[in-house]
């Protein structure tokens, strides 16, 4: 059993990770921004906002103070929304130590810099020391992980020894980790599958059938792979858990927040109204502008992503976007 881990971010995924990792660590400190939520979690042992219905194990300590969360931590696991990653790593900086190992479990891209989440962590922490950073990704619905349903994920780092160490520390009877040395491929797959999932929700909301969904997933994977490879990733990564696996889950599962956004868009609801009604963030909406900019920067053809951007930020009607995709110039697969 490992010593102490700090989980920074008590959304549904961070809370589920605290639950599934509890047998693997002596102490887990679960940091949340909302001090009132922390107080309730301490009192009731339940995250009533983000993961109701699941009790926190006895060795999970909810905290609202970063210094307390990080004190003595051997591993720092970042599970914050992508929009908050830089400021949180900056706020943590004075409490971080070179011997700590860092794992990013946030799926998204930073607006403006176009950086992946592990790159954000490395850049900020690098002001103090050179950190060991790995990325955790794969097909994971938080509620299923918390229920103890068998789940397989990827831990990716160019430092293979670090990835192997995290693999040993995190793996258990219901949570299996595979190592990977391609964080670029893993994190691009993780960020862009959310955008394709919005398209999958649109297909459902418009009443389209399985043919349409299968085409969307397959062609979506093709354009995600093109971008990942252009950015230095490995094609084989996108056929694995962090690519195809996560894409299929997010495009077909009823628990997918991004898919739900697409369903509501197809019904004619405004994006602002949909987001205002959601408790948790749909990262595909957060990442769309960065994805489009990356496609332009690396000269990669990403028609589905472009149409999702036109719907989300340009107000294009979903049926019009589908017509545009179907009437593109014919080409080889």
C-alpha atoms as a PDB file:
ATOM      1  CA  UNK A   1       0.000   0.000   0.000  1.00  0.00           C
ATOM      2  CA  UNK A   2       1.303   3.437  -0.981  1.00  0.00           C
ATOM      3  CA  UNK A   3       1.444   6.387   1.417  1.00  0.00           C
ATOM      4  CA  UNK A   4      -0.375   9.650   0.696  1.00  0.00           C
ATOM      5  CA  UNK A   5      -2.025  11.052  -2.421  1.00  0.00           C
ATOM      6  CA  UNK A   6      -3.579  14.482  -2.987  1.00  0.00           C
ATOM      7  CA  UNK A   7      -6.510  14.571  -5.416  1.00  0.00           C
ATOM      8  CA  UNK A   8      -7.049  18.133  -6.611  1.00  0.00           C
ATOM      9  CA  UNK A   9     -10.618  18.433  -7.785  1.00  0.00           C
ATOM     10  CA  UNK A  10     -13.689  16.847  -6.208  1.00  0.00           C
ATOM     11  CA  UNK A  11     -15.975  16.667  -9.205  1.00  0.00           C
ATOM     12  CA  UNK A  12     -17.510  13.335 -10.134  1.00  0.00           C
ATOM     13  CA  UNK A  13     -14.257  11.966 -11.594  1.00  0.00           C
ATOM     14  CA  UNK A  14     -12.026  13.142  -8.755  1.00  0.00           C
ATOM     15  CA  UNK A  15     -14.439  11.709  -6.188  1.00  0.00           C
ATOM     16  CA  UNK A  16     -14.689   8.406  -8.040  1.00  0.00           C
ATOM     17  CA  UNK A  17     -10.896   8.189  -8.157  1.00  0.00           C
ATOM     18  CA  UNK A  18     -10.754   8.788  -4.399  1.00  0.00           C
ATOM     19  CA  UNK A  19     -13.156   5.883  -3.899  1.00  0.00           C
ATOM     20  CA  UNK A  20     -11.452   3.421  -6.238  1.00  0.00           C
ATOM     21  CA  UNK A  21      -7.933   4.297  -5.035  1.00  0.00           C
ATOM     22  CA  UNK A  22      -8.804   4.177  -1.329  1.00  0.00           C
ATOM     23  CA  UNK A  23      -7.650   0.549  -0.871  1.00  0.00           C
ATOM     24  CA  UNK A  24      -4.330   1.422  -2.508  1.00  0.00           C
ATOM     25  CA  UNK A  25      -3.280   4.344  -0.275  1.00  0.00           C
ATOM     26  CA  UNK A  26      -3.002   4.948   3.449  1.00  0.00           C
ATOM     27  CA  UNK A  27      -4.199   8.556   3.171  1.00  0.00           C
ATOM     28  CA  UNK A  28      -6.175  10.279   0.415  1.00  0.00           C
ATOM     29  CA  UNK A  29      -6.828  14.003   0.660  1.00  0.00           C
ATOM     30  CA  UNK A  30      -9.607  15.145  -1.669  1.00  0.00           C
ATOM     31  CA  UNK A  31      -9.471  18.889  -2.329  1.00  0.00           C
ATOM     32  CA  UNK A  32     -12.577  20.829  -3.354  1.00  0.00           C
ATOM     33  CA  UNK A  33     -12.914  24.531  -4.108  1.00  0.00           C
ATOM     34  CA  UNK A  34     -16.305  24.757  -2.398  1.00  0.00           C
ATOM     35  CA  UNK A  35     -15.701  24.932   1.369  1.00  0.00           C
ATOM     36  CA  UNK A  36     -19.366  24.220   2.120  1.00  0.00           C
ATOM     37  CA  UNK A  37     -19.166  21.029   0.060  1.00  0.00           C
ATOM     38  CA  UNK A  38     -16.042  19.990   1.966  1.00  0.00           C
ATOM     39  CA  UNK A  39     -17.851  20.500   5.250  1.00  0.00           C
ATOM     40  CA  UNK A  40     -20.789  18.380   4.088  1.00  0.00           C
ATOM     41  CA  UNK A  41     -18.488  15.648   2.789  1.00  0.00           C
ATOM     42  CA  UNK A  42     -16.760  15.540   6.167  1.00  0.00           C
ATOM     43  CA  UNK A  43     -20.077  15.295   7.961  1.00  0.00           C
ATOM     44  CA  UNK A  44     -22.048  12.970   5.660  1.00  0.00           C
ATOM     45  CA  UNK A  45     -19.188  11.221   3.782  1.00  0.00           C
ATOM     46  CA  UNK A  46     -21.045  11.884   0.510  1.00  0.00           C
ATOM     47  CA  UNK A  47     -20.345  14.306  -2.338  1.00  0.00           C
ATOM     48  CA  UNK A  48     -23.966  15.369  -2.706  1.00  0.00           C
ATOM     49  CA  UNK A  49     -23.338  17.708  -5.658  1.00  0.00           C
ATOM     50  CA  UNK A  50     -21.091  15.782  -8.023  1.00  0.00           C
ATOM     51  CA  UNK A  51     -21.380  12.097  -7.046  1.00  0.00           C
ATOM     52  CA  UNK A  52     -24.423  11.512  -4.826  1.00  0.00           C
ATOM     53  CA  UNK A  53     -25.168   8.015  -3.660  1.00  0.00           C
ATOM     54  CA  UNK A  54     -21.574   6.939  -2.927  1.00  0.00           C
ATOM     55  CA  UNK A  55     -19.901   6.986   0.479  1.00  0.00           C
ATOM     56  CA  UNK A  56     -16.311   8.145   0.859  1.00  0.00           C
ATOM     57  CA  UNK A  57     -14.036   5.507   2.433  1.00  0.00           C
ATOM     58  CA  UNK A  58     -12.678   6.229   5.904  1.00  0.00           C
ATOM     59  CA  UNK A  59      -9.165   7.110   4.667  1.00  0.00           C
ATOM     60  CA  UNK A  60     -10.458   9.836   2.302  1.00  0.00           C
ATOM     61  CA  UNK A  61     -10.122  13.257   3.934  1.00  0.00           C
ATOM     62  CA  UNK A  62     -12.010  16.122   2.218  1.00  0.00           C
ATOM     63  CA  UNK A  63     -10.094  19.409   2.477  1.00  0.00           C
ATOM     64  CA  UNK A  64     -10.569  22.969   1.246  1.00  0.00           C
ATOM     65  CA  UNK A  65      -6.991  24.149   1.807  1.00  0.00           C
ATOM     66  CA  UNK A  66      -4.299  23.361  -0.768  1.00  0.00           C
ATOM     67  CA  UNK A  67      -1.496  23.378   1.805  1.00  0.00           C
ATOM     68  CA  UNK A  68      -3.293  20.725   3.852  1.00  0.00           C
ATOM     69  CA  UNK A  69      -4.113  18.688   0.761  1.00  0.00           C
ATOM     70  CA  UNK A  70      -0.510  18.619  -0.437  1.00  0.00           C
ATOM     71  CA  UNK A  71       1.232  18.150   2.918  1.00  0.00           C
ATOM     72  CA  UNK A  72       3.228  14.915   2.751  1.00  0.00           C
ATOM     73  CA  UNK A  73       1.709  13.847  -0.566  1.00  0.00           C
ATOM     74  CA  UNK A  74       3.753  11.417  -2.625  1.00  0.00           C
ATOM     75  CA  UNK A  75       1.466  11.775  -5.663  1.00  0.00           C
ATOM     76  CA  UNK A  76      -0.507  14.822  -6.807  1.00  0.00           C
ATOM     77  CA  UNK A  77      -3.457  13.854  -9.001  1.00  0.00           C
ATOM     78  CA  UNK A  78      -4.940  16.788 -10.932  1.00  0.00           C
ATOM     79  CA  UNK A  79      -8.642  16.328 -11.750  1.00  0.00           C
ATOM     80  CA  UNK A  80      -9.693  19.957 -12.061  1.00  0.00           C
ATOM     81  CA  UNK A  81     -11.595  21.377 -15.077  1.00  0.00           C
ATOM     82  CA  UNK A  82      -9.211  22.403 -17.851  1.00  0.00           C
ATOM     83  CA  UNK A  83     -10.139  26.088 -17.530  1.00  0.00           C
ATOM     84  CA  UNK A  84      -8.877  26.081 -13.916  1.00  0.00           C
ATOM     85  CA  UNK A  85      -5.735  23.964 -14.383  1.00  0.00           C
ATOM     86  CA  UNK A  86      -3.131  26.727 -14.728  1.00  0.00           C
ATOM     87  CA  UNK A  87      -4.328  28.833 -11.822  1.00  0.00           C
ATOM     88  CA  UNK A  88      -4.594  25.798  -9.557  1.00  0.00           C
ATOM     89  CA  UNK A  89      -1.120  24.507 -10.381  1.00  0.00           C
ATOM     90  CA  UNK A  90       0.142  28.056  -9.787  1.00  0.00           C
ATOM     91  CA  UNK A  91      -1.649  28.195  -6.430  1.00  0.00           C
ATOM     92  CA  UNK A  92      -0.096  24.844  -5.481  1.00  0.00           C
ATOM     93  CA  UNK A  93       3.408  25.782  -6.532  1.00  0.00           C
ATOM     94  CA  UNK A  94       4.761  26.975  -3.172  1.00  0.00           C
ATOM     95  CA  UNK A  95       3.627  23.705  -1.556  1.00  0.00           C
ATOM     96  CA  UNK A  96       5.105  21.340  -4.149  1.00  0.00           C
ATOM     97  CA  UNK A  97       8.292  19.324  -3.668  1.00  0.00           C
ATOM     98  CA  UNK A  98      10.652  17.757  -6.257  1.00  0.00           C
ATOM     99  CA  UNK A  99      10.083  14.243  -4.901  1.00  0.00           C
ATOM    100  CA  UNK A 100       6.351  14.425  -5.669  1.00  0.00           C
ATOM    101  CA  UNK A 101       4.995  12.596  -8.710  1.00  0.00           C
ATOM    102  CA  UNK A 102       2.274  14.272 -10.768  1.00  0.00           C
ATOM    103  CA  UNK A 103      -0.633  12.700 -12.635  1.00  0.00           C
ATOM    104  CA  UNK A 104      -3.018  14.703 -14.821  1.00  0.00           C
ATOM    105  CA  UNK A 105      -6.478  13.191 -15.196  1.00  0.00           C
ATOM    106  CA  UNK A 106      -8.076  16.278 -16.783  1.00  0.00           C
ATOM    107  CA  UNK A 107      -9.332  15.820 -20.342  1.00  0.00           C
ATOM    108  CA  UNK A 108      -9.065  19.052 -22.277  1.00  0.00           C
ATOM    109  CA  UNK A 109      -6.910  21.719 -23.902  1.00  0.00           C
ATOM    110  CA  UNK A 110      -5.948  25.128 -22.588  1.00  0.00           C
ATOM    111  CA  UNK A 111      -7.593  27.984 -24.422  1.00  0.00           C
ATOM    112  CA  UNK A 112      -5.073  30.435 -25.870  1.00  0.00           C
ATOM    113  CA  UNK A 113      -1.872  28.419 -25.368  1.00  0.00           C
ATOM    114  CA  UNK A 114      -3.318  25.245 -26.997  1.00  0.00           C
ATOM    115  CA  UNK A 115      -1.382  23.201 -24.445  1.00  0.00           C
ATOM    116  CA  UNK A 116      -2.375  19.742 -23.251  1.00  0.00           C
ATOM    117  CA  UNK A 117      -3.047  19.440 -19.534  1.00  0.00           C
ATOM    118  CA  UNK A 118       0.210  17.631 -18.694  1.00  0.00           C
ATOM    119  CA  UNK A 119       2.043  20.388 -20.562  1.00  0.00           C
ATOM    120  CA  UNK A 120       0.288  23.026 -18.463  1.00  0.00           C
ATOM    121  CA  UNK A 121       1.339  21.207 -15.286  1.00  0.00           C
ATOM    122  CA  UNK A 122       4.918  20.800 -16.505  1.00  0.00           C
ATOM    123  CA  UNK A 123       5.169  24.446 -17.561  1.00  0.00           C
ATOM    124  CA  UNK A 124       3.876  25.857 -14.270  1.00  0.00           C
ATOM    125  CA  UNK A 125       5.723  23.480 -11.941  1.00  0.00           C
ATOM    126  CA  UNK A 126       8.850  23.878 -14.075  1.00  0.00           C
ATOM    127  CA  UNK A 127       9.227  27.373 -12.655  1.00  0.00           C
ATOM    128  CA  UNK A 128      10.285  25.671  -9.411  1.00  0.00           C
ATOM    129  CA  UNK A 129      11.691  22.292 -10.486  1.00  0.00           C
ATOM    130  CA  UNK A 130      11.428  19.786 -13.348  1.00  0.00           C
ATOM    131  CA  UNK A 131       8.483  17.539 -12.456  1.00  0.00           C
ATOM    132  CA  UNK A 132       7.710  13.960 -13.367  1.00  0.00           C
ATOM    133  CA  UNK A 133       4.270  14.120 -15.019  1.00  0.00           C
ATOM    134  CA  UNK A 134       2.018  11.371 -16.370  1.00  0.00           C
ATOM    135  CA  UNK A 135      -1.425  11.532 -17.982  1.00  0.00           C
ATOM    136  CA  UNK A 136      -4.298   9.251 -16.958  1.00  0.00           C
ATOM    137  CA  UNK A 137      -7.034   8.644 -19.525  1.00  0.00           C
ATOM    138  CA  UNK A 138      -9.406   6.063 -20.947  1.00  0.00           C
ATOM    139  CA  UNK A 139     -13.090   5.098 -21.149  1.00  0.00           C
ATOM    140  CA  UNK A 140     -14.386   6.029 -17.707  1.00  0.00           C
ATOM    141  CA  UNK A 141     -17.781   7.069 -16.433  1.00  0.00           C
ATOM    142  CA  UNK A 142     -17.282   8.178 -12.831  1.00  0.00           C
ATOM    143  CA  UNK A 143     -20.382   6.445 -11.448  1.00  0.00           C
ATOM    144  CA  UNK A 144     -19.351   3.099 -12.915  1.00  0.00           C
ATOM    145  CA  UNK A 145     -15.831   3.416 -11.503  1.00  0.00           C
ATOM    146  CA  UNK A 146     -17.255   4.316  -8.082  1.00  0.00           C
ATOM    147  CA  UNK A 147     -19.573   1.287  -8.247  1.00  0.00           C
ATOM    148  CA  UNK A 148     -16.535  -0.930  -8.669  1.00  0.00           C
ATOM    149  CA  UNK A 149     -17.312  -2.011 -12.213  1.00  0.00           C
ATOM    150  CA  UNK A 150     -14.208  -3.341 -14.057  1.00  0.00           C
ATOM    151  CA  UNK A 151     -12.470  -0.438 -15.796  1.00  0.00           C
ATOM    152  CA  UNK A 152      -9.293  -0.231 -17.894  1.00  0.00           C
ATOM    153  CA  UNK A 153      -7.349   3.004 -18.424  1.00  0.00           C
ATOM    154  CA  UNK A 154      -3.982   4.224 -19.698  1.00  0.00           C
ATOM    155  CA  UNK A 155      -1.196   5.913 -17.737  1.00  0.00           C
ATOM    156  CA  UNK A 156       1.065   7.717 -20.169  1.00  0.00           C
ATOM    157  CA  UNK A 157       4.449   9.374 -19.758  1.00  0.00           C
ATOM    158  CA  UNK A 158       7.650   9.696 -21.732  1.00  0.00           C
ATOM    159  CA  UNK A 159       9.260   8.596 -18.455  1.00  0.00           C
ATOM    160  CA  UNK A 160       8.425   4.901 -18.614  1.00  0.00           C
ATOM    161  CA  UNK A 161       9.644   4.289 -15.062  1.00  0.00           C
ATOM    162  CA  UNK A 162       7.186   6.899 -13.771  1.00  0.00           C
ATOM    163  CA  UNK A 163       4.314   5.343 -15.723  1.00  0.00           C
ATOM    164  CA  UNK A 164       5.182   1.892 -14.396  1.00  0.00           C
ATOM    165  CA  UNK A 165       5.308   3.208 -10.839  1.00  0.00           C
ATOM    166  CA  UNK A 166       1.872   4.837 -11.100  1.00  0.00           C
ATOM    167  CA  UNK A 167       0.547   1.674 -12.725  1.00  0.00           C
ATOM    168  CA  UNK A 168       1.609  -0.354  -9.695  1.00  0.00           C
ATOM    169  CA  UNK A 169       0.260   2.180  -7.195  1.00  0.00           C
ATOM    170  CA  UNK A 170      -3.152   2.646  -8.851  1.00  0.00           C
ATOM    171  CA  UNK A 171      -4.069  -0.788 -10.224  1.00  0.00           C
ATOM    172  CA  UNK A 172      -6.502  -2.917  -8.259  1.00  0.00           C
ATOM    173  CA  UNK A 173      -9.212  -5.569  -8.671  1.00  0.00           C
ATOM    174  CA  UNK A 174     -11.588  -3.248 -10.548  1.00  0.00           C
ATOM    175  CA  UNK A 175      -9.193  -0.623 -11.927  1.00  0.00           C
ATOM    176  CA  UNK A 176      -6.557  -1.814 -14.398  1.00  0.00           C
ATOM    177  CA  UNK A 177      -3.865   0.489 -15.812  1.00  0.00           C
ATOM    178  CA  UNK A 178      -1.869  -0.021 -19.005  1.00  0.00           C
ATOM    179  CA  UNK A 179       1.334   1.963 -19.534  1.00  0.00           C
ATOM    180  CA  UNK A 180       1.945   4.078 -22.613  1.00  0.00           C
ATOM    181  CA  UNK A 181       4.810   6.369 -23.678  1.00  0.00           C
ATOM    182  CA  UNK A 182       2.747   8.691 -25.897  1.00  0.00           C
ATOM    183  CA  UNK A 183       1.157  11.464 -23.795  1.00  0.00           C
ATOM    184  CA  UNK A 184       0.546  13.581 -26.914  1.00  0.00           C
ATOM    185  CA  UNK A 185      -1.622  10.890 -28.488  1.00  0.00           C
ATOM    186  CA  UNK A 186      -3.357  10.057 -25.223  1.00  0.00           C
ATOM    187  CA  UNK A 187      -4.248  13.648 -24.337  1.00  0.00           C
ATOM    188  CA  UNK A 188      -5.326  14.693 -27.834  1.00  0.00           C
ATOM    189  CA  UNK A 189      -7.589  11.649 -27.965  1.00  0.00           C
ATOM    190  CA  UNK A 190      -8.983  12.521 -24.536  1.00  0.00           C
ATOM    191  CA  UNK A 191      -9.716  16.132 -25.441  1.00  0.00           C
ATOM    192  CA  UNK A 192     -11.155  15.716 -28.918  1.00  0.00           C
ATOM    193  CA  UNK A 193     -13.415  12.733 -28.261  1.00  0.00           C
ATOM    194  CA  UNK A 194     -15.605  15.102 -26.236  1.00  0.00           C
ATOM    195  CA  UNK A 195     -16.164  17.228 -29.339  1.00  0.00           C
ATOM    196  CA  UNK A 196     -17.174  14.211 -31.442  1.00  0.00           C
ATOM    197  CA  UNK A 197     -19.487  13.122 -28.627  1.00  0.00           C
ATOM    198  CA  UNK A 198     -21.423  16.382 -28.976  1.00  0.00           C
ATOM    199  CA  UNK A 199     -21.966  15.378 -32.604  1.00  0.00           C
ATOM    200  CA  UNK A 200     -23.148  11.952 -31.466  1.00  0.00           C
ATOM    201  CA  UNK A 201     -25.705  13.609 -29.232  1.00  0.00           C
ATOM    202  CA  UNK A 202     -26.897  15.726 -32.147  1.00  0.00           C
ATOM    203  CA  UNK A 203     -27.413  12.554 -34.181  1.00  0.00           C
ATOM    204  CA  UNK A 204     -29.546  11.119 -31.382  1.00  0.00           C
ATOM    205  CA  UNK A 205     -31.454  14.342 -30.865  1.00  0.00           C
ATOM    206  CA  UNK A 206     -32.312  14.519 -34.563  1.00  0.00           C
ATOM    207  CA  UNK A 207     -33.565  10.939 -34.502  1.00  0.00           C
ATOM    208  CA  UNK A 208     -30.816   9.596 -36.757  1.00  0.00           C
ATOM    209  CA  UNK A 209     -30.003   5.905 -36.587  1.00  0.00           C
ATOM    210  CA  UNK A 210     -26.999   3.644 -36.068  1.00  0.00           C
ATOM    211  CA  UNK A 211     -25.599   4.180 -39.565  1.00  0.00           C
ATOM    212  CA  UNK A 212     -25.083   7.858 -38.840  1.00  0.00           C
ATOM    213  CA  UNK A 213     -23.563   7.222 -35.419  1.00  0.00           C
ATOM    214  CA  UNK A 214     -21.143   4.593 -36.733  1.00  0.00           C
ATOM    215  CA  UNK A 215     -20.017   6.937 -39.505  1.00  0.00           C
ATOM    216  CA  UNK A 216     -19.540   9.802 -37.061  1.00  0.00           C
ATOM    217  CA  UNK A 217     -17.446   7.717 -34.650  1.00  0.00           C
ATOM    218  CA  UNK A 218     -15.295   6.252 -37.412  1.00  0.00           C
ATOM    219  CA  UNK A 219     -14.639   9.500 -39.252  1.00  0.00           C
ATOM    220  CA  UNK A 220     -14.249  11.329 -35.949  1.00  0.00           C
ATOM    221  CA  UNK A 221     -11.524   8.906 -34.940  1.00  0.00           C
ATOM    222  CA  UNK A 222      -9.822   9.456 -38.300  1.00  0.00           C
ATOM    223  CA  UNK A 223      -9.549  13.210 -37.820  1.00  0.00           C
ATOM    224  CA  UNK A 224      -8.497  12.920 -34.173  1.00  0.00           C
ATOM    225  CA  UNK A 225      -5.753  10.534 -35.282  1.00  0.00           C
ATOM    226  CA  UNK A 226      -4.589  12.903 -38.021  1.00  0.00           C
ATOM    227  CA  UNK A 227      -4.153  15.735 -35.544  1.00  0.00           C
ATOM    228  CA  UNK A 228      -2.501  13.575 -32.884  1.00  0.00           C
ATOM    229  CA  UNK A 229       0.064  12.250 -35.377  1.00  0.00           C
ATOM    230  CA  UNK A 230       0.748  15.758 -36.706  1.00  0.00           C
ATOM    231  CA  UNK A 231       1.473  16.805 -33.110  1.00  0.00           C
ATOM    232  CA  UNK A 232       3.953  13.988 -32.561  1.00  0.00           C
ATOM    233  CA  UNK A 233       1.585  11.307 -31.293  1.00  0.00           C
ATOM    234  CA  UNK A 234       1.544   7.674 -32.342  1.00  0.00           C
ATOM    235  CA  UNK A 235      -1.230   6.316 -34.539  1.00  0.00           C
ATOM    236  CA  UNK A 236      -1.501   3.094 -32.522  1.00  0.00           C
ATOM    237  CA  UNK A 237      -2.395   5.090 -29.386  1.00  0.00           C
ATOM    238  CA  UNK A 238      -5.632   6.246 -30.983  1.00  0.00           C
ATOM    239  CA  UNK A 239      -6.756   2.664 -31.616  1.00  0.00           C
ATOM    240  CA  UNK A 240      -6.454   1.921 -27.889  1.00  0.00           C
ATOM    241  CA  UNK A 241      -8.235   2.806 -24.666  1.00  0.00           C
ATOM    242  CA  UNK A 242      -7.462   6.540 -24.752  1.00  0.00           C
ATOM    243  CA  UNK A 243      -8.583   6.853 -28.367  1.00  0.00           C
ATOM    244  CA  UNK A 244     -11.188   4.471 -29.749  1.00  0.00           C
ATOM    245  CA  UNK A 245     -12.201   3.174 -26.311  1.00  0.00           C
ATOM    246  CA  UNK A 246     -12.928   6.581 -24.824  1.00  0.00           C
ATOM    247  CA  UNK A 247     -14.537   7.824 -28.053  1.00  0.00           C
ATOM    248  CA  UNK A 248     -17.005   4.930 -28.249  1.00  0.00           C
ATOM    249  CA  UNK A 249     -17.942   5.291 -24.572  1.00  0.00           C
ATOM    250  CA  UNK A 250     -18.505   9.036 -24.754  1.00  0.00           C
ATOM    251  CA  UNK A 251     -20.449   8.855 -28.017  1.00  0.00           C
ATOM    252  CA  UNK A 252     -22.798   6.048 -26.951  1.00  0.00           C
ATOM    253  CA  UNK A 253     -23.171   6.207 -23.159  1.00  0.00           C
ATOM    254  CA  UNK A 254     -26.138   7.858 -21.500  1.00  0.00           C
ATOM    255  CA  UNK A 255     -23.862   9.231 -18.754  1.00  0.00           C
ATOM    256  CA  UNK A 256     -21.882  11.356 -21.238  1.00  0.00           C
ATOM    257  CA  UNK A 257     -22.260  15.069 -20.492  1.00  0.00           C
ATOM    258  CA  UNK A 258     -20.949  16.058 -23.927  1.00  0.00           C
ATOM    259  CA  UNK A 259     -23.380  13.761 -25.709  1.00  0.00           C
ATOM    260  CA  UNK A 260     -26.182  15.272 -23.624  1.00  0.00           C
ATOM    261  CA  UNK A 261     -25.218  18.751 -24.838  1.00  0.00           C
ATOM    262  CA  UNK A 262     -25.580  17.553 -28.427  1.00  0.00           C
ATOM    263  CA  UNK A 263     -28.982  16.016 -27.751  1.00  0.00           C
ATOM    264  CA  UNK A 264     -30.268  19.299 -26.342  1.00  0.00           C
ATOM    265  CA  UNK A 265     -28.771  21.350 -29.191  1.00  0.00           C
ATOM    266  CA  UNK A 266     -30.611  19.152 -31.684  1.00  0.00           C
ATOM    267  CA  UNK A 267     -33.841  19.906 -29.835  1.00  0.00           C
ATOM    268  CA  UNK A 268     -33.287  23.600 -30.520  1.00  0.00           C
ATOM    269  CA  UNK A 269     -32.102  24.739 -27.087  1.00  0.00           C
ATOM    270  CA  UNK A 270     -29.475  27.473 -26.918  1.00  0.00           C
ATOM    271  CA  UNK A 271     -25.984  26.474 -25.786  1.00  0.00           C
ATOM    272  CA  UNK A 272     -25.940  29.056 -22.984  1.00  0.00           C
ATOM    273  CA  UNK A 273     -29.195  27.692 -21.607  1.00  0.00           C
ATOM    274  CA  UNK A 274     -27.926  24.103 -21.757  1.00  0.00           C
ATOM    275  CA  UNK A 275     -24.677  24.905 -19.960  1.00  0.00           C
ATOM    276  CA  UNK A 276     -26.429  26.961 -17.302  1.00  0.00           C
ATOM    277  CA  UNK A 277     -28.586  23.949 -16.425  1.00  0.00           C
ATOM    278  CA  UNK A 278     -25.596  21.596 -15.985  1.00  0.00           C
ATOM    279  CA  UNK A 279     -23.888  20.960 -12.649  1.00  0.00           C
ATOM    280  CA  UNK A 280     -20.666  19.745 -14.269  1.00  0.00           C
ATOM    281  CA  UNK A 281     -18.619  21.057 -17.185  1.00  0.00           C
ATOM    282  CA  UNK A 282     -18.848  19.587 -20.687  1.00  0.00           C
ATOM    283  CA  UNK A 283     -15.181  19.695 -21.696  1.00  0.00           C
ATOM    284  CA  UNK A 284     -15.958  19.432 -25.413  1.00  0.00           C
ATOM    285  CA  UNK A 285     -17.447  22.926 -25.304  1.00  0.00           C
ATOM    286  CA  UNK A 286     -14.351  24.163 -23.467  1.00  0.00           C
ATOM    287  CA  UNK A 287     -11.913  22.579 -25.942  1.00  0.00           C
ATOM    288  CA  UNK A 288     -13.548  23.354 -29.284  1.00  0.00           C
ATOM    289  CA  UNK A 289     -11.773  26.638 -30.006  1.00  0.00           C
ATOM    290  CA  UNK A 290      -8.353  25.171 -29.155  1.00  0.00           C
ATOM    291  CA  UNK A 291      -9.046  22.134 -31.347  1.00  0.00           C
ATOM    292  CA  UNK A 292      -9.922  24.309 -34.335  1.00  0.00           C
ATOM    293  CA  UNK A 293      -6.799  26.417 -33.811  1.00  0.00           C
ATOM    294  CA  UNK A 294      -4.619  23.299 -33.566  1.00  0.00           C
ATOM    295  CA  UNK A 295      -6.094  21.957 -36.806  1.00  0.00           C
ATOM    296  CA  UNK A 296      -5.185  25.197 -38.555  1.00  0.00           C
ATOM    297  CA  UNK A 297      -1.741  25.361 -36.964  1.00  0.00           C
ATOM    298  CA  UNK A 298      -0.842  21.838 -38.063  1.00  0.00           C
ATOM    299  CA  UNK A 299      -2.722  22.024 -41.396  1.00  0.00           C
ATOM    300  CA  UNK A 300      -4.955  19.069 -40.555  1.00  0.00           C
ATOM    301  CA  UNK A 301      -8.354  18.544 -42.178  1.00  0.00           C
ATOM    302  CA  UNK A 302     -10.934  18.166 -39.389  1.00  0.00           C
ATOM    303  CA  UNK A 303     -14.396  18.636 -40.937  1.00  0.00           C
ATOM    304  CA  UNK A 304     -16.451  17.231 -38.063  1.00  0.00           C
ATOM    305  CA  UNK A 305     -14.646  19.403 -35.541  1.00  0.00           C
ATOM    306  CA  UNK A 306     -15.151  22.429 -37.802  1.00  0.00           C
ATOM    307  CA  UNK A 307     -18.882  21.779 -38.037  1.00  0.00           C
ATOM    308  CA  UNK A 308     -19.175  21.309 -34.277  1.00  0.00           C
ATOM    309  CA  UNK A 309     -17.439  24.661 -33.889  1.00  0.00           C
ATOM    310  CA  UNK A 310     -19.887  26.230 -36.339  1.00  0.00           C
ATOM    311  CA  UNK A 311     -22.778  24.889 -34.264  1.00  0.00           C
ATOM    312  CA  UNK A 312     -21.348  25.747 -30.840  1.00  0.00           C
ATOM    313  CA  UNK A 313     -19.812  29.130 -31.587  1.00  0.00           C
ATOM    314  CA  UNK A 314     -21.377  30.166 -34.888  1.00  0.00           C
ATOM    315  CA  UNK A 315     -24.982  29.221 -34.309  1.00  0.00           C
ATOM    316  CA  UNK A 316     -25.235  26.926 -37.332  1.00  0.00           C
ATOM    317  CA  UNK A 317     -28.301  24.665 -37.371  1.00  0.00           C
ATOM    318  CA  UNK A 318     -27.376  21.009 -36.706  1.00  0.00           C
ATOM    319  CA  UNK A 319     -29.135  19.738 -39.846  1.00  0.00           C
ATOM    320  CA  UNK A 320     -27.244  22.297 -41.929  1.00  0.00           C
ATOM    321  CA  UNK A 321     -23.947  21.092 -40.439  1.00  0.00           C
ATOM    322  CA  UNK A 322     -24.770  17.495 -41.349  1.00  0.00           C
ATOM    323  CA  UNK A 323     -25.654  18.546 -44.901  1.00  0.00           C
ATOM    324  CA  UNK A 324     -22.283  20.319 -45.181  1.00  0.00           C
ATOM    325  CA  UNK A 325     -20.464  17.149 -44.070  1.00  0.00           C
ATOM    326  CA  UNK A 326     -22.341  14.902 -46.507  1.00  0.00           C
ATOM    327  CA  UNK A 327     -21.828  17.230 -49.497  1.00  0.00           C
ATOM    328  CA  UNK A 328     -18.072  17.649 -49.084  1.00  0.00           C
ATOM    329  CA  UNK A 329     -15.823  16.739 -52.006  1.00  0.00           C
ATOM    330  CA  UNK A 330     -15.718  12.968 -52.444  1.00  0.00           C
ATOM    331  CA  UNK A 331     -12.406  11.269 -51.583  1.00  0.00           C
ATOM    332  CA  UNK A 332     -10.704   8.017 -50.594  1.00  0.00           C
ATOM    333  CA  UNK A 333     -11.023   6.764 -47.050  1.00  0.00           C
END
